[in-house]
Protein backbone atom coordinates (compact mmCIF):
# COMPACT_ATOMS: atom_id res chain seq x y z
CA MET A 1 2.78 85.51 -100.19
CA TYR A 2 -0.32 83.58 -98.73
CA ALA A 3 -3.95 84.08 -97.76
CA ILE A 4 -6.55 82.53 -95.56
CA VAL A 5 -10.06 82.30 -97.46
CA ASP A 6 -13.41 81.08 -96.52
CA ILE A 7 -14.41 78.80 -99.37
CA ALA A 8 -17.97 76.65 -98.75
CA GLY A 9 -18.12 77.38 -95.16
CA GLN A 10 -14.33 75.99 -94.69
CA GLN A 11 -11.14 78.04 -94.28
CA PHE A 12 -8.06 77.05 -96.47
CA LYS A 13 -4.67 78.72 -96.43
CA VAL A 14 -3.82 79.50 -100.14
CA THR A 15 -0.73 80.45 -101.98
CA LYS A 16 -0.40 81.35 -105.97
CA ALA A 17 -0.07 77.91 -108.08
CA GLN A 18 -1.68 75.32 -105.76
CA LYS A 19 -4.28 72.75 -106.05
CA LEU A 20 -7.02 72.57 -103.69
CA LYS A 21 -10.06 70.23 -103.31
CA VAL A 22 -13.11 72.03 -101.62
CA HIS A 23 -16.70 71.03 -101.09
CA ARG A 24 -18.72 70.89 -104.31
CA LEU A 25 -19.20 74.27 -105.93
CA GLU A 26 -21.83 75.19 -108.80
CA ALA A 27 -19.27 76.15 -111.37
CA GLU A 28 -18.40 74.39 -114.73
CA GLU A 29 -15.05 72.76 -115.27
CA GLY A 30 -12.52 75.32 -116.78
CA LYS A 31 -14.20 78.35 -115.46
CA GLN A 32 -12.64 81.22 -113.78
CA LEU A 33 -13.64 82.18 -110.12
CA GLU A 34 -13.05 85.14 -107.99
CA LEU A 35 -13.14 84.40 -104.40
CA ASP A 36 -13.85 87.48 -102.39
CA ASN A 37 -14.13 86.24 -98.69
CA VAL A 38 -10.56 86.52 -97.84
CA LEU A 39 -9.86 86.49 -94.05
CA LEU A 40 -6.01 87.14 -93.88
CA VAL A 41 -3.42 88.10 -96.25
CA SER A 42 0.37 88.06 -95.75
CA ASP A 43 3.17 89.38 -97.97
CA GLY A 44 6.22 88.02 -96.06
CA LYS A 45 6.61 91.33 -94.12
CA THR A 46 3.11 92.48 -92.99
CA ILE A 47 -0.07 90.42 -91.95
CA THR A 48 -3.58 92.11 -92.75
CA VAL A 49 -6.26 90.50 -90.72
CA GLY A 50 -9.89 91.16 -91.77
CA THR A 51 -12.85 92.33 -89.47
CA PRO A 52 -14.32 89.56 -90.71
CA LYS A 53 -12.65 89.88 -94.20
CA VAL A 54 -10.04 91.93 -95.78
CA GLU A 55 -11.46 94.64 -98.03
CA GLY A 56 -10.27 94.56 -101.51
CA PHE A 57 -8.47 91.42 -101.78
CA ARG A 58 -9.88 88.47 -103.92
CA ILE A 59 -8.60 85.08 -104.96
CA ALA A 60 -8.45 84.05 -108.86
CA ALA A 61 -9.04 80.32 -108.99
CA LYS A 62 -9.82 78.05 -111.90
CA VAL A 63 -11.96 75.00 -111.51
CA MET A 64 -9.98 71.83 -112.65
CA GLY A 65 -12.79 69.45 -112.21
CA HIS A 66 -15.43 67.85 -109.94
CA THR A 67 -14.49 64.46 -108.16
CA GLN A 68 -15.53 62.42 -105.20
CA GLY A 69 -13.52 62.06 -102.11
CA ASP A 70 -12.48 58.78 -100.32
CA LYS A 71 -15.26 56.28 -99.20
CA VAL A 72 -15.97 57.08 -95.49
CA LEU A 73 -17.74 53.81 -93.43
CA VAL A 74 -19.70 54.70 -90.53
CA PHE A 75 -20.23 51.64 -88.42
CA LYS A 76 -22.85 51.62 -85.55
CA LYS A 77 -23.20 48.85 -82.80
CA LYS A 78 -24.92 48.31 -79.64
CA ARG A 79 -23.35 45.47 -77.87
CA ARG A 80 -25.51 42.37 -76.62
CA LYS A 81 -28.46 43.96 -78.47
CA GLY A 82 -28.17 42.45 -81.80
CA TYR A 83 -27.95 45.93 -83.53
CA GLN A 84 -25.60 47.00 -86.11
CA LYS A 85 -25.55 49.09 -88.95
CA LEU A 86 -23.08 50.18 -91.80
CA ASN A 87 -23.38 53.21 -93.81
CA GLY A 88 -20.91 54.58 -96.53
CA HIS A 89 -20.34 57.83 -97.86
CA ARG A 90 -18.35 59.77 -100.62
CA GLN A 91 -18.20 63.48 -100.43
CA GLN A 92 -18.57 65.53 -103.69
CA LEU A 93 -15.70 67.71 -104.32
CA THR A 94 -14.54 70.42 -106.56
CA GLU A 95 -10.72 70.69 -107.44
CA LEU A 96 -9.44 74.34 -107.86
CA TRP A 97 -6.05 75.85 -109.11
CA ILE A 98 -5.34 79.00 -107.46
CA GLU A 99 -3.83 81.42 -109.82
CA ALA A 100 -3.28 84.60 -108.04
CA ILE A 101 -3.87 86.54 -104.98
CA LEU A 102 -5.13 90.05 -106.00
CA GLY A 103 -4.75 93.10 -103.96
CA LYS A 104 -6.82 96.16 -104.08
CA GLY A 105 -7.47 97.44 -107.85
CA GLU A 106 -5.49 94.50 -109.20
CA LYS A 107 -7.00 92.63 -112.24
CA PHE A 108 -6.06 88.97 -113.28
CA ASP A 109 -5.09 88.44 -116.81
CA ALA A 110 -6.18 84.60 -117.49
CA SER A 111 -4.11 84.48 -120.82
CA LYS A 112 -1.00 84.74 -118.91
CA SER A 113 -2.26 81.73 -116.56
CA SER A 114 0.10 79.02 -115.83
CA ALA A 115 -2.85 76.36 -114.83
CA PRO A 116 -2.76 72.85 -115.82
CA ALA A 117 -5.35 71.77 -118.48
CA PRO A 118 -8.54 70.21 -117.12
CA ARG A 119 -8.72 66.42 -116.63
CA ALA A 120 -10.99 66.12 -119.46
CA VAL A 121 -8.60 67.73 -121.95
CA ARG A 122 -5.63 66.31 -120.55
CA ASN A 123 -6.75 62.70 -121.38
CA ALA A 124 -8.26 63.66 -124.81
CA GLU A 125 -5.41 62.16 -126.89
CA PRO A 126 -6.40 59.12 -128.96
CA LYS A 127 -4.52 55.79 -128.27
CA ILE A 128 -2.96 54.35 -131.13
CA LYS A 129 -4.04 50.51 -131.88
CA LYS A 130 -1.26 48.37 -132.77
CA THR A 131 -2.03 46.59 -136.27
CA ALA A 132 0.16 44.64 -138.49
CA ALA A 133 0.88 47.60 -140.62
CA THR A 134 1.83 49.70 -137.64
CA GLU A 135 4.11 47.32 -136.26
CA VAL A 136 7.69 46.47 -137.66
CA ALA A 137 8.31 42.88 -138.02
CA ALA A 138 11.15 41.96 -135.41
CA PRO A 139 12.79 38.79 -135.65
CA LYS A 140 11.34 36.32 -132.87
CA LYS A 141 13.71 34.58 -130.22
CA VAL A 142 12.65 30.87 -130.02
CA ALA A 143 13.64 29.15 -126.81
CA ALA A 144 14.90 25.66 -126.84
CA LYS A 145 12.53 23.51 -124.96
CA LYS A 146 13.62 21.19 -122.55
CA ALA A 147 12.36 17.74 -122.38
CA ALA A 148 10.68 16.78 -119.31
CA PRO A 149 11.98 13.54 -117.41
CA ALA A 150 9.88 10.59 -118.40
CA LYS A 151 7.98 9.37 -115.18
CA THR A 152 7.76 5.68 -114.38
CA ALA A 153 4.67 4.34 -112.86
CA ALA A 154 4.87 2.48 -109.59
CA PRO A 155 3.18 -0.66 -109.07
CA LYS A 156 0.01 -0.47 -106.92
CA LYS A 157 0.16 -2.43 -103.77
CA ALA A 158 -3.23 -4.51 -103.53
CA ALA A 159 -3.41 -3.92 -99.74
CA ALA A 160 -7.01 -3.32 -99.40
CA LYS A 161 -8.00 -5.44 -96.41
CA LYS A 162 -11.54 -6.10 -95.43
CA ALA A 163 -12.99 -5.39 -92.39
CA ALA A 164 -14.25 -8.36 -90.45
CA PRO A 165 -17.93 -8.37 -89.52
CA LYS A 166 -18.60 -7.52 -85.93
CA LYS A 167 -20.05 -9.90 -83.61
CA ASP A 168 -22.71 -8.98 -81.30
CA ASP A 169 -21.96 -10.08 -77.69
CA LYS A 170 -25.51 -10.13 -76.58
CA LYS A 171 -26.80 -13.18 -74.55
């Protein structure tokens, strides 16, 4: 089953248990959203197209986090005029987890959700620092060092030639 939904002015094809990046939405991380601007619904056998939207269908989604997109560089130049300008831009995005496509009269139970934890919660585990008490002393392997061959200094040749002074041939 899939649906085409309008989110923040863009249309997306969504299915259950899908991660989606959309333009920034005003919602907190971990909150549940219901998107009701469904334009098309397909259950594999029938396709329902809305005029302009399908009545009664909603999309249950969870906000995973807010991120930024890749940097886009915009370069403008007019040749032979000495004009060039470089601008950069990073789009603000919201990461959504599509939990269910709800039909007419269906309700979504958030306790049965299979959504992964938000990014802030996933990285919350403390890192264990290694100390002398936590490490078990393992025998260290000592590699035998090879002696470098002795270098002999070659005698320097005193071949410094002095340049003869130049004579002026002016008469």
